[in-house]
Each structure stands twice: as C-alpha cells, then as structure tokens.
Amino acid sequence: LLEERGELLLDLFITILAPGDARAEASIMSKDFDDLFLREDSNIKPPHIDGAKYLVNGEVKPWKGKTQKVYSPVFNSKSDKSNELGVYPMMEGQAVMDCLDAAVHAYNYGRGEWPGATMAFRIQCMEKFLAGLKAKRDEIVTLLQWEICKNSADSQKEVDRTIIYIQDTIKEAKALHNRESTFTNDSGVFAHTRRAPIGVVLCLGPFNYPFNETYTTLIPAILMGNTVVMKLPRTGVLCHFP
C-alpha cells in the first residue's frame, strides 16, 4: 500500500510540476523509492538478540518468565512481513524486588564495597567498561537502526556521543577528586570537603534516544559510588544487551 501511494504521489508531482522528459526522471525516482524497502532476497540480514536475561548483583541470570518479542519497523518489500529482532524480559513480581534488594544491599547505607571504593578504583572500572563499549560500537549502531529505524549517521552519532560523554565524565571525576584532595580557604576558615554517594538511584531511558539518554543518567550515578536500578525503554531496548 505504501508503494502504491508513493507511485500515486510521484505521478501527481510530475503532472503538476514537471514538463517534458519528466517520465525519465520519474523512473529514477521510483527506483529510489523502491530501494527504501528491504528485499526478501537481500544479503542484508537483521540482527537477533536473545534478551531473555537480566543483570542483578553483578551476575547475568537467565529469565524464564514472560518475554516480549521485538519487531523491526523495517519491512520486506512486496510483503507485510516484519523482521523479528529478539526478545526482552517482562520482569515483574519477586524478580523486580530481588533487583531492588540487591541494589539496597550493595549500597548498605554507604558502607558497601562499591560506595566505599576509592575514586581511582571506580574510574579504573569505568575505563574498562568504556573499552568494552568501544568494541561493541558497530553492533550497537546496527541494533539502533533496525529497532527504532534511526538512520546510520544518527545511530553512529548517538553511540559516539555516549562514548565522548563517558570520557568527559571520567575526566571531570578525576578533576573533582584532585580538588577534594586539598584544603580550601574561605575568609580564614579552612575546610576539606568530599562528595559522597547518596544511595540507590533509579535510571530510566527514553525511546527516542534509548542509548545516549540512558547512559547520561547511569554513568555519573555509578561513577560517584551509587548503586543503580536501571529500567530500559521498551522501544530501543536491545541495543543495551551487547
């Protein structure tokens, strides 16, 4: 139906605006329109992510409950067949409370291992995560394209912007740590201040920038020693699994 409407609009456009050899141009434009659709015999194959798992207390566990299938908005040409990209868990009940309890226990009123760790150690862990993210960049870009139909350039920008954001956050954390290592003098009063984590943080991600906006809340919360419960967006969820 979309192709038929496209042909009709194209014919109307040519009739009104294009005299002379417009039909030759129409043939080219029509081909370009057809190329927007994925052909069933195409060598381009959609990715598939088995997302029936979740991360809790530092361990990835299999999810045996209800799952939701994820379909791509990219359709095959000449058919109404969509591409299944994978599944994600529809977490509920006790499993959700177990995740919250794990985050509360890990924080332990600020006495847990992570909130009690040095800034240098937390930065080291974040740099290791960043290296892993860079290695998965292309896979994440591909998933963004297939799942939310974001074009290649914008998908790359979203992932690259996230990488730059993490680098900048690490840089600022180092500068903050250095400033806190010295005494400040205000009107003859010397003080030594140090920022501390505040507790368990809930991070939510939106559907339109499911990767970047999720990590702009997660990264600073984690880096400053908080523990986190992370709720992924239902649209754009699969890019987080690699």
Protein backbone atom coordinates (compact mmCIF):
# COMPACT_ATOMS: atom_id res chain seq x y z
CA LEU A 1 0.00 0.00 0.00
CA LEU A 2 2.84 2.37 0.86
CA GLU A 3 4.47 1.69 -2.50
CA GLU A 4 1.17 2.28 -4.35
CA ARG A 5 0.65 5.60 -2.56
CA GLY A 6 4.22 6.55 -3.32
CA GLU A 7 3.71 5.91 -7.04
CA LEU A 8 0.48 7.93 -6.99
CA LEU A 9 2.10 10.89 -5.25
CA LEU A 10 5.04 10.67 -7.63
CA ASP A 11 2.74 10.77 -10.67
CA LEU A 12 0.84 13.73 -9.21
CA PHE A 13 4.08 15.59 -8.53
CA ILE A 14 5.27 15.05 -12.09
CA THR A 15 1.95 16.05 -13.65
CA ILE A 16 1.85 19.36 -11.79
CA LEU A 17 5.48 20.41 -11.74
CA ALA A 18 7.49 18.57 -14.35
CA PRO A 19 7.02 19.03 -18.12
CA GLY A 20 8.89 17.38 -20.96
CA ASP A 21 11.10 14.43 -20.04
CA ALA A 22 9.65 14.08 -16.53
CA ARG A 23 8.84 10.41 -17.10
CA ALA A 24 12.50 9.53 -17.35
CA GLU A 25 13.15 11.29 -14.05
CA ALA A 26 10.09 9.58 -12.61
CA SER A 27 11.58 6.17 -13.40
CA ILE A 28 14.72 7.07 -11.46
CA MET A 29 12.76 8.46 -8.54
CA SER A 30 10.52 5.41 -8.48
CA LYS A 31 13.56 3.15 -8.30
CA ASP A 32 14.94 5.21 -5.42
CA PHE A 33 11.62 4.81 -3.63
CA ASP A 34 11.67 1.03 -4.16
CA ASP A 35 15.19 0.90 -2.72
CA LEU A 36 13.83 2.15 0.61
CA PHE A 37 12.37 -1.31 1.18
CA LEU A 38 14.37 -4.38 2.19
CA ARG A 39 14.01 -7.08 -0.45
CA GLU A 40 13.42 -10.63 0.71
CA ASP A 41 16.36 -11.88 -1.37
CA SER A 42 18.68 -9.22 0.09
CA ASN A 43 22.01 -10.22 1.58
CA ILE A 44 21.35 -7.81 4.45
CA LYS A 45 20.13 -9.83 7.40
CA PRO A 46 18.65 -8.36 10.55
CA PRO A 47 20.42 -8.96 13.87
CA HIS A 48 18.88 -11.17 16.53
CA ILE A 49 19.36 -10.74 20.27
CA ASP A 50 18.34 -13.30 22.87
CA GLY A 51 17.48 -10.85 25.61
CA ALA A 52 15.83 -13.37 27.94
CA LYS A 53 18.22 -12.46 30.76
CA TYR A 54 18.83 -9.76 33.33
CA LEU A 55 21.69 -8.38 35.40
CA VAL A 56 21.39 -8.47 39.18
CA ASN A 57 24.05 -8.25 41.87
CA GLY A 58 26.83 -8.35 39.27
CA GLU A 59 25.54 -11.57 37.67
CA VAL A 60 23.70 -12.11 34.38
CA LYS A 61 20.84 -14.52 35.04
CA PRO A 62 18.52 -16.26 32.57
CA TRP A 63 14.92 -15.05 32.56
CA LYS A 64 12.36 -17.87 32.47
CA GLY A 65 9.24 -15.75 32.75
CA LYS A 66 7.20 -13.82 30.22
CA THR A 67 9.08 -12.18 27.36
CA GLN A 68 8.18 -9.64 24.70
CA LYS A 69 9.19 -10.08 21.07
CA VAL A 70 10.79 -7.11 19.33
CA TYR A 71 9.92 -6.44 15.68
CA SER A 72 11.69 -4.04 13.38
CA PRO A 73 9.79 -1.22 11.63
CA VAL A 74 11.86 -2.16 8.56
CA PHE A 75 9.63 -4.32 6.36
CA ASN A 76 10.45 -6.57 3.44
CA SER A 77 9.34 -5.30 0.04
CA LYS A 78 6.27 -6.82 -1.61
CA SER A 79 5.09 -8.28 1.69
CA ASP A 80 3.79 -7.29 5.09
CA LYS A 81 6.41 -9.38 6.86
CA SER A 82 8.37 -7.66 9.60
CA ASN A 83 11.71 -8.82 10.98
CA GLU A 84 11.90 -10.26 14.48
CA LEU A 85 14.98 -8.87 16.22
CA GLY A 86 14.82 -10.71 19.53
CA VAL A 87 13.09 -10.72 22.90
CA TYR A 88 13.40 -8.95 26.23
CA PRO A 89 12.08 -9.96 29.68
CA MET A 90 8.81 -8.58 31.03
CA MET A 91 10.06 -8.50 34.60
CA GLU A 92 7.58 -8.37 37.43
CA GLY A 93 6.86 -9.53 40.93
CA GLN A 94 9.59 -11.04 43.07
CA ALA A 95 12.28 -10.72 40.39
CA VAL A 96 11.88 -6.94 40.42
CA MET A 97 12.07 -6.81 44.20
CA ASP A 98 15.18 -9.00 44.12
CA CYS A 99 16.87 -6.42 41.89
CA LEU A 100 15.92 -3.59 44.23
CA ASP A 101 17.03 -5.56 47.28
CA ALA A 102 20.38 -6.31 45.62
CA ALA A 103 20.96 -2.59 44.97
CA VAL A 104 19.99 -1.67 48.55
CA HIS A 105 22.25 -4.40 49.96
CA ALA A 106 25.15 -3.34 47.72
CA TYR A 107 24.84 0.24 48.98
CA ASN A 108 24.45 -0.83 52.62
CA TYR A 109 24.00 2.69 53.97
CA GLY A 110 27.13 3.83 52.17
CA ARG A 111 29.27 1.07 53.66
CA GLY A 112 29.07 -1.33 50.72
CA GLU A 113 32.06 -2.34 48.61
CA TRP A 114 31.24 -0.05 45.67
CA PRO A 115 30.31 3.16 47.54
CA GLY A 116 33.29 2.58 49.81
CA ALA A 117 35.72 2.12 46.91
CA THR A 118 38.23 4.82 46.03
CA MET A 119 37.55 7.15 43.15
CA ALA A 120 40.65 5.79 41.43
CA PHE A 121 39.24 2.26 41.54
CA ARG A 122 35.82 3.34 40.25
CA ILE A 123 37.47 5.25 37.40
CA GLN A 124 39.51 2.16 36.54
CA CYS A 125 36.31 0.09 36.34
CA MET A 126 34.61 2.73 34.20
CA GLU A 127 37.54 2.86 31.78
CA LYS A 128 37.31 -0.93 31.42
CA PHE A 129 33.60 -0.60 30.65
CA LEU A 130 34.35 2.15 28.12
CA ALA A 131 36.85 -0.09 26.31
CA GLY A 132 34.19 -2.80 26.05
CA LEU A 133 31.65 -0.29 24.77
CA LYS A 134 34.00 0.88 22.03
CA ALA A 135 34.50 -2.73 20.93
CA LYS A 136 30.71 -3.16 20.60
CA ARG A 137 30.11 0.19 18.86
CA ASP A 138 29.19 -1.14 15.41
CA GLU A 139 26.87 -3.80 16.82
CA ILE A 140 25.01 -1.20 18.89
CA VAL A 141 24.72 1.12 15.87
CA THR A 142 23.20 -1.69 13.82
CA LEU A 143 20.66 -2.51 16.52
CA LEU A 144 19.57 1.14 16.76
CA GLN A 145 18.99 1.20 13.01
CA TRP A 146 16.91 -1.95 12.96
CA GLU A 147 14.91 -1.44 16.13
CA ILE A 148 13.93 2.24 16.05
CA CYS A 149 14.60 2.92 12.36
CA LYS A 150 17.22 5.57 13.08
CA ASN A 151 19.46 6.19 10.08
CA SER A 152 23.11 5.17 10.04
CA ALA A 153 24.57 8.65 10.61
CA ASP A 154 22.29 9.43 13.57
CA SER A 155 22.84 5.99 15.10
CA GLN A 156 26.60 6.46 14.93
CA LYS A 157 26.29 9.94 16.43
CA GLU A 158 24.24 8.62 19.34
CA VAL A 159 26.79 5.95 20.23
CA ASP A 160 29.81 8.19 19.64
CA ARG A 161 28.24 10.98 21.69
CA THR A 162 27.78 8.50 24.53
CA ILE A 163 31.42 7.44 24.33
CA ILE A 164 32.55 11.08 24.43
CA TYR A 165 30.20 11.75 27.35
CA ILE A 166 31.71 8.90 29.37
CA GLN A 167 35.23 10.13 28.59
CA ASP A 168 34.30 13.65 29.70
CA THR A 169 32.63 12.33 32.86
CA ILE A 170 35.74 10.36 33.78
CA LYS A 171 37.87 13.44 33.15
CA GLU A 172 35.66 15.56 35.40
CA ALA A 173 35.66 12.86 38.11
CA LYS A 174 39.47 12.93 38.14
CA ALA A 175 39.48 16.73 38.39
CA LEU A 176 36.90 16.61 41.18
CA HIS A 177 38.96 14.05 43.07
CA ASN A 178 42.06 16.24 42.78
CA ARG A 179 40.18 19.31 44.05
CA GLU A 180 38.85 17.36 47.01
CA SER A 181 42.37 16.27 47.94
CA THR A 182 43.27 19.81 49.03
CA PHE A 183 42.02 22.22 51.69
CA THR A 184 40.04 25.29 50.71
CA ASN A 185 40.29 28.64 52.49
CA ASP A 186 37.29 30.93 52.78
CA SER A 187 37.72 34.04 54.98
CA GLY A 188 40.33 32.30 57.09
CA VAL A 189 38.25 29.15 57.52
CA PHE A 190 39.96 26.05 56.16
CA ALA A 191 37.79 23.16 55.04
CA HIS A 192 38.25 19.77 53.44
CA THR A 193 35.12 18.72 51.54
CA ARG A 194 34.39 15.40 49.89
CA ARG A 195 31.36 14.38 47.85
CA ALA A 196 29.72 11.08 48.77
CA PRO A 197 27.18 8.80 47.08
CA ILE A 198 23.55 9.32 48.03
CA GLY A 199 22.14 5.78 47.76
CA VAL A 200 20.14 3.71 45.28
CA VAL A 201 19.40 5.54 42.02
CA LEU A 202 16.66 4.66 39.51
CA CYS A 203 17.71 5.30 35.90
CA LEU A 204 15.15 5.41 33.09
CA GLY A 205 15.78 5.54 29.36
CA PRO A 206 13.55 7.15 26.68
CA PHE A 207 12.60 5.55 23.36
CA ASN A 208 13.91 8.30 21.05
CA TYR A 209 17.50 8.28 22.38
CA PRO A 210 17.44 4.91 24.12
CA PHE A 211 21.20 4.53 24.33
CA ASN A 212 22.60 8.00 24.96
CA GLU A 213 20.00 9.32 27.38
CA THR A 214 20.04 6.14 29.44
CA TYR A 215 23.79 6.32 29.98
CA THR A 216 23.85 10.05 30.72
CA THR A 217 21.99 9.20 33.93
CA LEU A 218 23.65 5.85 34.64
CA ILE A 219 27.33 6.78 34.23
CA PRO A 220 27.61 9.66 36.73
CA ALA A 221 25.43 7.81 39.25
CA ILE A 222 27.66 4.73 39.11
CA LEU A 223 30.93 6.63 38.98
CA MET A 224 30.11 8.59 42.15
CA GLY A 225 29.57 5.36 44.08
CA ASN A 226 25.80 4.94 43.97
CA THR A 227 24.12 1.64 43.22
CA VAL A 228 21.59 1.60 40.41
CA VAL A 229 18.33 0.04 39.31
CA MET A 230 18.20 0.52 35.55
CA LYS A 231 14.88 0.33 33.67
CA LEU A 232 15.41 0.03 29.93
CA PRO A 233 13.00 1.59 27.43
CA ARG A 234 10.64 -0.89 25.78
CA THR A 235 11.42 0.65 22.40
CA GLY A 236 15.17 0.64 21.85
CA VAL A 237 15.86 -2.00 24.48
CA LEU A 238 18.04 -4.42 22.51
CA CYS A 239 20.96 -2.00 21.99
CA HIS A 240 21.85 -2.44 25.68
CA PHE A 241 22.38 -6.20 25.53
CA PRO A 242 25.71 -6.37 23.64
